[in-house]
């Protein structure tokens, strides 16, 4: 039997990224870019969260004026989609220091292209997504950790199993 062409198979990485992007949006994040690339590398998702806090100020005539402060955060998100028996600890091992440096440089390029976002707090998050083929004959009950989000596509189930905030630190250099 001949092998099917690669275009016949679903792109699991993109499907995992779709799940993470949908989950981020459902929790109040705005997706700014998907698969942002530079000569240094690619960032799967760049998301922004605008936290708005309020305060009051009393003016010289006793009038109360509400002040709004905006605390925006940029998250540069690396998504790792793996099957449950993956060799690299569910994708965690694939985020080497070299990969972190590429993501950091690419984030710097993004901030250089969008200087209005340069003063935002930035962090590097990692999302771990597991995918598993949906079997029509599956009858076994398997206890698993509760997923943050799930979706199904192309005969596979995707689970956002873990979202790691500030998974690694890096100084971002603009330019």
N, C-alpha and C. Protein backbone atom coordinates (compact mmCIF):
# COMPACT_ATOMS: atom_id res chain seq x y z
N UNK A 1 0.83 -1.17 0.00
CA UNK A 1 0.00 0.00 0.00
C UNK A 1 0.88 1.24 0.00
N UNK A 2 0.59 2.19 -0.85
CA UNK A 2 1.41 3.40 -0.98
C UNK A 2 1.14 4.35 0.17
N UNK A 3 2.18 5.09 0.56
CA UNK A 3 2.01 6.10 1.59
C UNK A 3 1.23 7.28 1.01
N UNK A 4 0.37 7.86 1.84
CA UNK A 4 -0.38 9.03 1.41
C UNK A 4 0.51 10.26 1.44
N UNK A 5 0.24 11.26 0.58
CA UNK A 5 1.07 12.48 0.58
C UNK A 5 0.91 13.24 1.90
N UNK A 6 1.94 14.02 2.29
CA UNK A 6 1.88 14.76 3.56
C UNK A 6 0.66 15.68 3.64
N UNK A 7 0.18 16.20 2.52
CA UNK A 7 -0.97 17.10 2.55
C UNK A 7 -2.25 16.38 2.97
N UNK A 8 -2.24 15.05 2.95
CA UNK A 8 -3.40 14.26 3.35
C UNK A 8 -3.57 14.22 4.88
N UNK A 9 -2.48 14.38 5.60
CA UNK A 9 -2.50 14.28 7.05
C UNK A 9 -2.74 15.66 7.67
N UNK A 10 -3.47 15.70 8.79
CA UNK A 10 -3.71 16.99 9.45
C UNK A 10 -2.41 17.53 10.06
N UNK A 11 -2.30 18.84 10.13
CA UNK A 11 -1.15 19.47 10.77
C UNK A 11 -1.47 19.58 12.26
N UNK A 12 -0.96 18.62 13.04
CA UNK A 12 -1.27 18.57 14.46
C UNK A 12 -0.80 19.81 15.20
N UNK A 13 0.34 20.36 14.80
CA UNK A 13 0.86 21.56 15.45
C UNK A 13 -0.11 22.73 15.30
N UNK A 14 -0.62 22.92 14.10
CA UNK A 14 -1.56 24.02 13.86
C UNK A 14 -2.87 23.79 14.61
N UNK A 15 -3.33 22.54 14.65
CA UNK A 15 -4.57 22.24 15.38
C UNK A 15 -4.39 22.48 16.88
N UNK A 16 -3.23 22.15 17.42
CA UNK A 16 -2.94 22.44 18.82
C UNK A 16 -2.89 23.94 19.08
N UNK A 17 -2.28 24.69 18.16
CA UNK A 17 -2.23 26.15 18.29
C UNK A 17 -3.64 26.74 18.24
N UNK A 18 -4.49 26.19 17.36
CA UNK A 18 -5.88 26.66 17.28
C UNK A 18 -6.57 26.53 18.63
N UNK A 19 -6.40 25.38 19.28
CA UNK A 19 -7.02 25.14 20.57
C UNK A 19 -6.52 26.15 21.60
N UNK A 20 -5.22 26.38 21.65
CA UNK A 20 -4.65 27.31 22.62
C UNK A 20 -5.15 28.74 22.35
N UNK A 21 -5.17 29.14 21.09
CA UNK A 21 -5.65 30.49 20.73
C UNK A 21 -7.11 30.67 21.16
N UNK A 22 -7.93 29.65 20.92
CA UNK A 22 -9.34 29.73 21.32
C UNK A 22 -9.47 29.83 22.84
N UNK A 23 -8.66 29.06 23.55
CA UNK A 23 -8.71 29.08 25.01
C UNK A 23 -8.26 30.45 25.54
N UNK A 24 -7.18 30.99 24.98
CA UNK A 24 -6.72 32.31 25.41
C UNK A 24 -7.82 33.36 25.19
N UNK A 25 -8.44 33.33 24.02
CA UNK A 25 -9.52 34.29 23.73
C UNK A 25 -10.67 34.13 24.72
N UNK A 26 -10.99 32.90 25.09
CA UNK A 26 -12.09 32.67 26.02
C UNK A 26 -11.78 33.17 27.43
N UNK A 27 -10.49 33.40 27.72
CA UNK A 27 -10.10 33.90 29.03
C UNK A 27 -9.73 35.39 28.99
N UNK A 28 -10.09 36.07 27.90
CA UNK A 28 -9.92 37.52 27.84
C UNK A 28 -8.71 38.04 27.09
N UNK A 29 -7.94 37.17 26.48
CA UNK A 29 -6.76 37.58 25.73
C UNK A 29 -7.15 37.94 24.30
N UNK A 30 -6.40 38.84 23.72
CA UNK A 30 -6.55 39.21 22.31
C UNK A 30 -5.38 38.60 21.55
N UNK A 31 -5.67 37.86 20.49
CA UNK A 31 -4.60 37.25 19.70
C UNK A 31 -4.12 38.29 18.70
N UNK A 32 -2.86 38.69 18.83
CA UNK A 32 -2.28 39.70 17.93
C UNK A 32 -1.69 39.06 16.68
N UNK A 33 -1.03 37.93 16.87
CA UNK A 33 -0.39 37.24 15.73
C UNK A 33 -0.38 35.74 15.97
N UNK A 34 -0.42 35.03 14.87
CA UNK A 34 -0.22 33.58 14.87
C UNK A 34 0.97 33.31 13.96
N UNK A 35 1.86 32.47 14.42
CA UNK A 35 3.05 32.08 13.64
C UNK A 35 3.83 33.29 13.13
N UNK A 36 4.12 34.21 14.05
CA UNK A 36 4.93 35.39 13.72
C UNK A 36 6.36 34.92 13.50
N UNK A 37 6.92 35.25 12.35
CA UNK A 37 8.27 34.76 12.07
C UNK A 37 9.23 35.89 11.71
N UNK A 38 10.47 35.62 12.00
CA UNK A 38 11.58 36.51 11.65
C UNK A 38 12.71 35.60 11.18
N UNK A 39 13.82 36.19 10.85
CA UNK A 39 14.96 35.36 10.43
C UNK A 39 15.48 34.49 11.58
N UNK A 40 15.12 34.85 12.81
CA UNK A 40 15.61 34.11 13.98
C UNK A 40 14.74 32.90 14.30
N UNK A 41 13.46 32.97 13.94
CA UNK A 41 12.58 31.87 14.29
C UNK A 41 11.13 32.28 14.22
N UNK A 42 10.29 31.52 14.89
CA UNK A 42 8.85 31.75 14.85
C UNK A 42 8.28 31.68 16.25
N UNK A 43 7.26 32.52 16.49
CA UNK A 43 6.50 32.46 17.73
C UNK A 43 5.11 32.01 17.36
N UNK A 44 4.64 30.95 18.02
CA UNK A 44 3.35 30.36 17.66
C UNK A 44 2.20 31.33 17.84
N UNK A 45 2.12 31.96 19.02
CA UNK A 45 1.03 32.89 19.32
C UNK A 45 1.59 34.08 20.08
N UNK A 46 1.16 35.27 19.67
CA UNK A 46 1.45 36.48 20.45
C UNK A 46 0.09 37.02 20.88
N UNK A 47 -0.10 37.11 22.20
CA UNK A 47 -1.39 37.51 22.74
C UNK A 47 -1.21 38.69 23.69
N UNK A 48 -2.27 39.48 23.79
CA UNK A 48 -2.26 40.66 24.66
C UNK A 48 -3.43 40.58 25.62
N UNK A 49 -3.15 40.93 26.86
CA UNK A 49 -4.21 41.00 27.87
C UNK A 49 -4.20 42.40 28.44
N UNK A 50 -5.34 43.04 28.40
CA UNK A 50 -5.45 44.39 28.94
C UNK A 50 -6.17 44.34 30.27
N UNK A 51 -5.40 44.42 31.34
CA UNK A 51 -6.00 44.48 32.66
C UNK A 51 -6.24 45.93 33.02
N UNK A 52 -7.47 46.25 33.30
CA UNK A 52 -7.79 47.64 33.59
C UNK A 52 -8.18 47.73 35.05
N UNK A 53 -7.47 48.57 35.76
CA UNK A 53 -7.78 48.79 37.16
C UNK A 53 -8.27 50.21 37.35
N UNK A 54 -9.02 50.45 38.36
CA UNK A 54 -9.57 51.78 38.58
C UNK A 54 -9.10 52.38 39.88
N UNK A 55 -9.10 53.69 39.91
CA UNK A 55 -8.76 54.42 41.12
C UNK A 55 -9.56 55.72 41.08
N UNK A 56 -9.68 56.38 42.22
CA UNK A 56 -10.40 57.64 42.27
C UNK A 56 -9.45 58.75 42.67
N UNK A 57 -9.73 59.95 42.14
CA UNK A 57 -8.94 61.11 42.50
C UNK A 57 -9.91 62.23 42.84
N UNK A 58 -9.66 62.94 43.93
CA UNK A 58 -10.52 64.06 44.32
C UNK A 58 -9.84 65.35 43.84
N UNK A 59 -10.57 66.07 43.01
CA UNK A 59 -10.04 67.31 42.45
C UNK A 59 -10.08 68.45 43.45
N UNK A 60 -9.56 69.64 43.05
CA UNK A 60 -9.48 70.80 43.94
C UNK A 60 -10.85 71.30 44.37
N UNK A 61 -11.90 71.07 43.58
CA UNK A 61 -13.26 71.50 43.94
C UNK A 61 -14.08 70.38 44.57
N UNK A 62 -13.45 69.31 44.95
CA UNK A 62 -14.14 68.22 45.62
C UNK A 62 -14.78 67.21 44.69
N UNK A 63 -14.69 67.42 43.37
CA UNK A 63 -15.28 66.48 42.42
C UNK A 63 -14.44 65.21 42.39
N UNK A 64 -15.13 64.09 42.31
CA UNK A 64 -14.44 62.81 42.25
C UNK A 64 -14.31 62.41 40.79
N UNK A 65 -13.10 62.11 40.38
CA UNK A 65 -12.84 61.70 39.00
C UNK A 65 -12.24 60.30 39.03
N UNK A 66 -12.74 59.43 38.16
CA UNK A 66 -12.22 58.07 38.11
C UNK A 66 -11.02 58.02 37.18
N UNK A 67 -9.95 57.46 37.66
CA UNK A 67 -8.75 57.27 36.85
C UNK A 67 -8.70 55.84 36.38
N UNK A 68 -8.29 55.62 35.17
CA UNK A 68 -8.13 54.27 34.64
C UNK A 68 -6.65 54.03 34.39
N UNK A 69 -6.18 52.91 34.86
CA UNK A 69 -4.81 52.52 34.56
C UNK A 69 -4.87 51.25 33.75
N UNK A 70 -4.02 51.19 32.78
CA UNK A 70 -4.03 50.02 31.92
C UNK A 70 -2.73 49.26 32.12
N UNK A 71 -2.87 48.02 32.52
CA UNK A 71 -1.72 47.15 32.73
C UNK A 71 -1.77 46.06 31.68
N UNK A 72 -1.18 46.33 30.53
CA UNK A 72 -1.23 45.35 29.44
C UNK A 72 -0.06 44.39 29.53
N UNK A 73 -0.34 43.15 29.19
CA UNK A 73 0.67 42.10 29.19
C UNK A 73 0.73 41.51 27.78
N UNK A 74 1.93 41.26 27.32
CA UNK A 74 2.12 40.50 26.08
C UNK A 74 2.64 39.13 26.46
N UNK A 75 2.02 38.11 25.89
CA UNK A 75 2.50 36.74 26.09
C UNK A 75 2.98 36.20 24.75
N UNK A 76 4.21 35.76 24.73
CA UNK A 76 4.78 35.09 23.56
C UNK A 76 4.67 33.60 23.88
N UNK A 77 3.78 32.91 23.16
CA UNK A 77 3.39 31.56 23.55
C UNK A 77 3.97 30.52 22.59
N UNK A 78 4.68 29.58 23.15
CA UNK A 78 5.19 28.42 22.41
C UNK A 78 4.24 27.26 22.70
N UNK A 79 3.70 26.67 21.64
CA UNK A 79 2.76 25.56 21.79
C UNK A 79 3.46 24.28 21.38
N UNK A 80 3.38 23.27 22.24
CA UNK A 80 3.93 21.96 21.94
C UNK A 80 2.79 20.95 21.92
N UNK A 81 2.54 20.38 20.76
CA UNK A 81 1.48 19.39 20.60
C UNK A 81 2.14 18.04 20.42
N UNK A 82 1.78 17.10 21.29
CA UNK A 82 2.41 15.79 21.28
C UNK A 82 1.38 14.70 21.54
N UNK A 83 1.73 13.50 21.10
CA UNK A 83 0.92 12.34 21.48
C UNK A 83 1.35 11.94 22.88
N UNK A 84 0.55 11.14 23.55
CA UNK A 84 0.81 10.83 24.95
C UNK A 84 2.12 10.07 25.17
N UNK A 85 2.60 9.35 24.18
CA UNK A 85 3.83 8.58 24.35
C UNK A 85 5.05 9.26 23.77
N UNK A 86 5.06 10.58 23.73
CA UNK A 86 6.16 11.30 23.09
C UNK A 86 7.47 11.11 23.87
N UNK A 87 8.56 11.21 23.17
CA UNK A 87 9.89 10.97 23.73
C UNK A 87 10.45 12.18 24.46
N UNK A 88 9.83 13.35 24.29
CA UNK A 88 10.44 14.58 24.82
C UNK A 88 9.66 15.21 25.96
N UNK A 89 9.16 14.38 26.87
CA UNK A 89 8.45 14.85 28.07
C UNK A 89 7.29 15.76 27.70
N UNK A 90 6.50 15.33 26.74
CA UNK A 90 5.33 16.10 26.33
C UNK A 90 5.65 17.42 25.66
N UNK A 91 6.85 17.56 25.15
CA UNK A 91 7.26 18.80 24.48
C UNK A 91 8.14 19.69 25.32
N UNK A 92 8.19 19.43 26.63
CA UNK A 92 9.00 20.29 27.51
C UNK A 92 10.48 20.26 27.15
N UNK A 93 10.98 19.10 26.78
CA UNK A 93 12.41 18.97 26.45
C UNK A 93 12.77 19.68 25.15
N UNK A 94 11.76 19.95 24.32
CA UNK A 94 12.02 20.61 23.03
C UNK A 94 12.23 22.11 23.19
N UNK A 95 12.03 22.64 24.39
CA UNK A 95 12.21 24.07 24.62
C UNK A 95 13.58 24.29 25.24
N UNK A 96 14.59 24.06 24.43
CA UNK A 96 15.98 24.16 24.86
C UNK A 96 16.38 25.62 25.03
N UNK A 97 17.55 25.84 25.59
CA UNK A 97 18.06 27.21 25.71
C UNK A 97 18.20 27.87 24.34
N UNK A 98 18.59 27.09 23.35
CA UNK A 98 18.71 27.61 21.99
C UNK A 98 17.33 28.04 21.46
N UNK A 99 16.30 27.24 21.69
CA UNK A 99 14.94 27.57 21.27
C UNK A 99 14.45 28.82 22.00
N UNK A 100 14.75 28.90 23.29
CA UNK A 100 14.36 30.08 24.07
C UNK A 100 15.01 31.34 23.51
N UNK A 101 16.28 31.24 23.13
CA UNK A 101 16.99 32.40 22.56
C UNK A 101 16.36 32.82 21.24
N UNK A 102 15.96 31.86 20.41
CA UNK A 102 15.30 32.19 19.13
C UNK A 102 13.97 32.89 19.36
N UNK A 103 13.21 32.39 20.32
CA UNK A 103 11.92 33.01 20.63
C UNK A 103 12.13 34.42 21.16
N UNK A 104 13.12 34.59 22.02
CA UNK A 104 13.42 35.90 22.59
C UNK A 104 13.83 36.90 21.50
N UNK A 105 14.70 36.47 20.59
CA UNK A 105 15.11 37.36 19.49
C UNK A 105 13.92 37.72 18.61
N UNK A 106 13.08 36.75 18.33
CA UNK A 106 11.90 37.00 17.50
C UNK A 106 10.94 37.95 18.22
N UNK A 107 10.81 37.81 19.53
CA UNK A 107 9.98 38.74 20.31
C UNK A 107 10.55 40.15 20.21
N UNK A 108 11.87 40.28 20.24
CA UNK A 108 12.51 41.59 20.07
C UNK A 108 12.19 42.21 18.72
N UNK A 109 12.18 41.39 17.68
CA UNK A 109 11.82 41.87 16.33
C UNK A 109 10.37 42.35 16.33
N UNK A 110 9.48 41.58 16.97
CA UNK A 110 8.07 41.98 17.06
C UNK A 110 7.95 43.34 17.73
N UNK A 111 8.62 43.51 18.86
CA UNK A 111 8.53 44.78 19.59
C UNK A 111 9.14 45.94 18.80
N UNK A 112 10.16 45.66 18.00
CA UNK A 112 10.73 46.71 17.14
C UNK A 112 9.73 47.11 16.05
N UNK A 113 8.97 46.15 15.55
CA UNK A 113 7.96 46.44 14.53
C UNK A 113 6.72 47.11 15.11
N UNK A 114 6.46 46.90 16.39
CA UNK A 114 5.30 47.47 17.06
C UNK A 114 5.76 48.23 18.30
N UNK A 115 6.44 49.36 18.12
CA UNK A 115 7.02 50.07 19.26
C UNK A 115 5.99 50.56 20.29
N UNK A 116 4.74 50.70 19.89
CA UNK A 116 3.70 51.11 20.84
C UNK A 116 3.46 50.05 21.92
N UNK A 117 3.97 48.85 21.70
CA UNK A 117 3.80 47.77 22.68
C UNK A 117 5.08 47.53 23.50
N UNK A 118 6.10 48.33 23.25
CA UNK A 118 7.40 48.11 23.88
C UNK A 118 7.39 48.30 25.40
N UNK A 119 6.44 49.07 25.92
CA UNK A 119 6.39 49.29 27.37
C UNK A 119 5.51 48.28 28.10
N UNK A 120 4.90 47.36 27.38
CA UNK A 120 4.05 46.35 28.01
C UNK A 120 4.91 45.35 28.77
N UNK A 121 4.35 44.79 29.80
CA UNK A 121 5.02 43.67 30.47
C UNK A 121 5.00 42.49 29.51
N UNK A 122 6.11 41.79 29.41
CA UNK A 122 6.21 40.66 28.49
C UNK A 122 6.57 39.39 29.26
N UNK A 123 6.06 38.29 28.76
CA UNK A 123 6.44 37.00 29.35
C UNK A 123 6.41 35.94 28.25
N UNK A 124 7.08 34.83 28.54
CA UNK A 124 7.18 33.72 27.60
C UNK A 124 6.45 32.52 28.22
N UNK A 125 5.32 32.17 27.64
CA UNK A 125 4.50 31.07 28.15
C UNK A 125 4.67 29.84 27.26
N UNK A 126 4.38 28.69 27.82
CA UNK A 126 4.42 27.44 27.07
C UNK A 126 3.10 26.70 27.30
N UNK A 127 2.50 26.23 26.21
CA UNK A 127 1.26 25.46 26.28
C UNK A 127 1.57 24.03 25.83
N UNK A 128 1.15 23.07 26.64
CA UNK A 128 1.34 21.66 26.33
C UNK A 128 0.00 21.07 25.92
N UNK A 129 -0.07 20.61 24.67
CA UNK A 129 -1.30 20.03 24.13
C UNK A 129 -1.03 18.57 23.78
N UNK A 130 -1.92 17.70 24.25
CA UNK A 130 -1.82 16.28 23.90
C UNK A 130 -2.87 15.97 22.83
N UNK A 131 -2.48 15.15 21.87
CA UNK A 131 -3.46 14.70 20.88
C UNK A 131 -3.51 13.18 20.91
N UNK A 132 -4.70 12.67 20.64
CA UNK A 132 -4.91 11.22 20.67
C UNK A 132 -5.95 10.89 19.61
N UNK A 133 -5.66 9.84 18.87
CA UNK A 133 -6.61 9.38 17.84
C UNK A 133 -7.89 8.92 18.53
N UNK A 134 -9.02 9.32 17.97
CA UNK A 134 -10.31 8.89 18.49
C UNK A 134 -10.63 7.54 17.87
N UNK A 135 -10.72 6.54 18.72
CA UNK A 135 -10.98 5.18 18.26
C UNK A 135 -12.47 4.88 18.39
N UNK A 136 -13.02 4.32 17.34
CA UNK A 136 -14.44 3.95 17.37
C UNK A 136 -14.68 2.80 18.35
N UNK A 137 -13.67 2.00 18.59
CA UNK A 137 -13.82 0.83 19.45
C UNK A 137 -13.28 1.06 20.86
N UNK A 138 -13.00 2.30 21.20
CA UNK A 138 -12.38 2.59 22.49
C UNK A 138 -13.41 2.38 23.61
N UNK A 139 -13.11 1.44 24.49
CA UNK A 139 -14.03 1.15 25.60
C UNK A 139 -13.35 1.29 26.95
N UNK A 140 -12.05 1.40 26.96
CA UNK A 140 -11.34 1.51 28.23
C UNK A 140 -11.57 2.90 28.85
N UNK A 141 -11.64 2.93 30.16
CA UNK A 141 -11.76 4.19 30.88
C UNK A 141 -10.38 4.55 31.39
N UNK A 142 -9.92 5.72 31.02
CA UNK A 142 -8.59 6.14 31.43
C UNK A 142 -8.73 7.40 32.28
N UNK A 143 -8.15 7.38 33.48
CA UNK A 143 -8.17 8.55 34.35
C UNK A 143 -7.03 9.47 33.92
N UNK A 144 -7.38 10.70 33.59
CA UNK A 144 -6.36 11.67 33.21
C UNK A 144 -6.59 12.97 33.96
N UNK A 145 -5.57 13.77 33.98
CA UNK A 145 -5.66 15.09 34.59
C UNK A 145 -6.68 15.91 33.80
N UNK A 146 -7.47 16.72 34.50
CA UNK A 146 -8.47 17.56 33.86
C UNK A 146 -7.79 18.53 32.89
N UNK A 147 -8.30 18.59 31.67
CA UNK A 147 -7.75 19.47 30.65
C UNK A 147 -8.31 20.89 30.81
N UNK A 148 -7.52 21.89 30.46
CA UNK A 148 -7.97 23.27 30.47
C UNK A 148 -8.97 23.53 29.35
N UNK A 149 -8.78 22.84 28.22
CA UNK A 149 -9.67 22.96 27.07
C UNK A 149 -9.48 21.73 26.20
N UNK A 150 -10.51 21.39 25.44
CA UNK A 150 -10.43 20.26 24.52
C UNK A 150 -11.09 20.63 23.20
N UNK A 151 -10.69 19.92 22.15
CA UNK A 151 -11.34 20.04 20.85
C UNK A 151 -11.08 18.74 20.09
N UNK A 152 -11.85 18.54 19.05
CA UNK A 152 -11.67 17.37 18.20
C UNK A 152 -11.59 17.83 16.76
N UNK A 153 -10.72 17.19 16.00
CA UNK A 153 -10.58 17.51 14.57
C UNK A 153 -9.88 16.36 13.88
N UNK A 154 -10.30 16.07 12.68
CA UNK A 154 -9.64 15.08 11.82
C UNK A 154 -9.46 13.73 12.49
N UNK A 155 -10.44 13.31 13.33
CA UNK A 155 -10.35 12.01 13.98
C UNK A 155 -9.44 11.97 15.19
N UNK A 156 -9.05 13.15 15.72
CA UNK A 156 -8.17 13.23 16.88
C UNK A 156 -8.81 14.13 17.93
N UNK A 157 -8.50 13.85 19.18
CA UNK A 157 -8.92 14.71 20.28
C UNK A 157 -7.69 15.46 20.79
N UNK A 158 -7.84 16.75 20.98
CA UNK A 158 -6.77 17.61 21.46
C UNK A 158 -7.13 18.12 22.84
N UNK A 159 -6.15 18.07 23.77
CA UNK A 159 -6.36 18.53 25.14
C UNK A 159 -5.27 19.51 25.50
N UNK A 160 -5.67 20.72 25.89
CA UNK A 160 -4.71 21.66 26.46
C UNK A 160 -4.50 21.21 27.89
N UNK A 161 -3.42 20.47 28.10
CA UNK A 161 -3.18 19.81 29.37
C UNK A 161 -2.51 20.72 30.38
N UNK A 162 -1.67 21.61 29.89
CA UNK A 162 -0.91 22.46 30.81
C UNK A 162 -0.57 23.78 30.13
N UNK A 163 -0.73 24.87 30.86
CA UNK A 163 -0.33 26.19 30.37
C UNK A 163 0.62 26.76 31.40
N UNK A 164 1.87 26.92 31.01
CA UNK A 164 2.92 27.32 31.94
C UNK A 164 3.19 28.81 31.77
N UNK A 165 2.81 29.59 32.77
CA UNK A 165 3.04 31.04 32.75
C UNK A 165 4.51 31.33 32.97
N UNK A 166 5.05 32.28 32.21
CA UNK A 166 6.44 32.70 32.38
C UNK A 166 7.36 31.48 32.49
N UNK A 167 7.28 30.62 31.50
CA UNK A 167 8.02 29.35 31.52
C UNK A 167 9.53 29.55 31.48
N UNK A 168 9.94 30.64 30.87
CA UNK A 168 11.37 30.97 30.90
C UNK A 168 11.52 32.47 30.84
N UNK A 169 12.64 32.94 31.38
CA UNK A 169 12.94 34.36 31.39
C UNK A 169 13.95 34.67 30.31
N UNK A 170 13.81 35.87 29.79
CA UNK A 170 14.75 36.31 28.78
C UNK A 170 14.66 37.82 28.69
N UNK A 171 15.79 38.46 28.45
CA UNK A 171 15.74 39.90 28.22
C UNK A 171 15.48 40.10 26.74
N UNK A 172 14.50 40.91 26.44
CA UNK A 172 14.14 41.18 25.05
C UNK A 172 14.90 42.41 24.58
N UNK A 173 15.61 42.23 23.49
CA UNK A 173 16.34 43.35 22.90
C UNK A 173 15.61 43.81 21.66
N UNK A 174 15.25 45.08 21.63
CA UNK A 174 14.59 45.62 20.44
C UNK A 174 15.59 45.80 19.34
N UNK A 175 15.24 45.24 18.18
CA UNK A 175 16.12 45.37 17.00
C UNK A 175 17.02 44.26 17.01
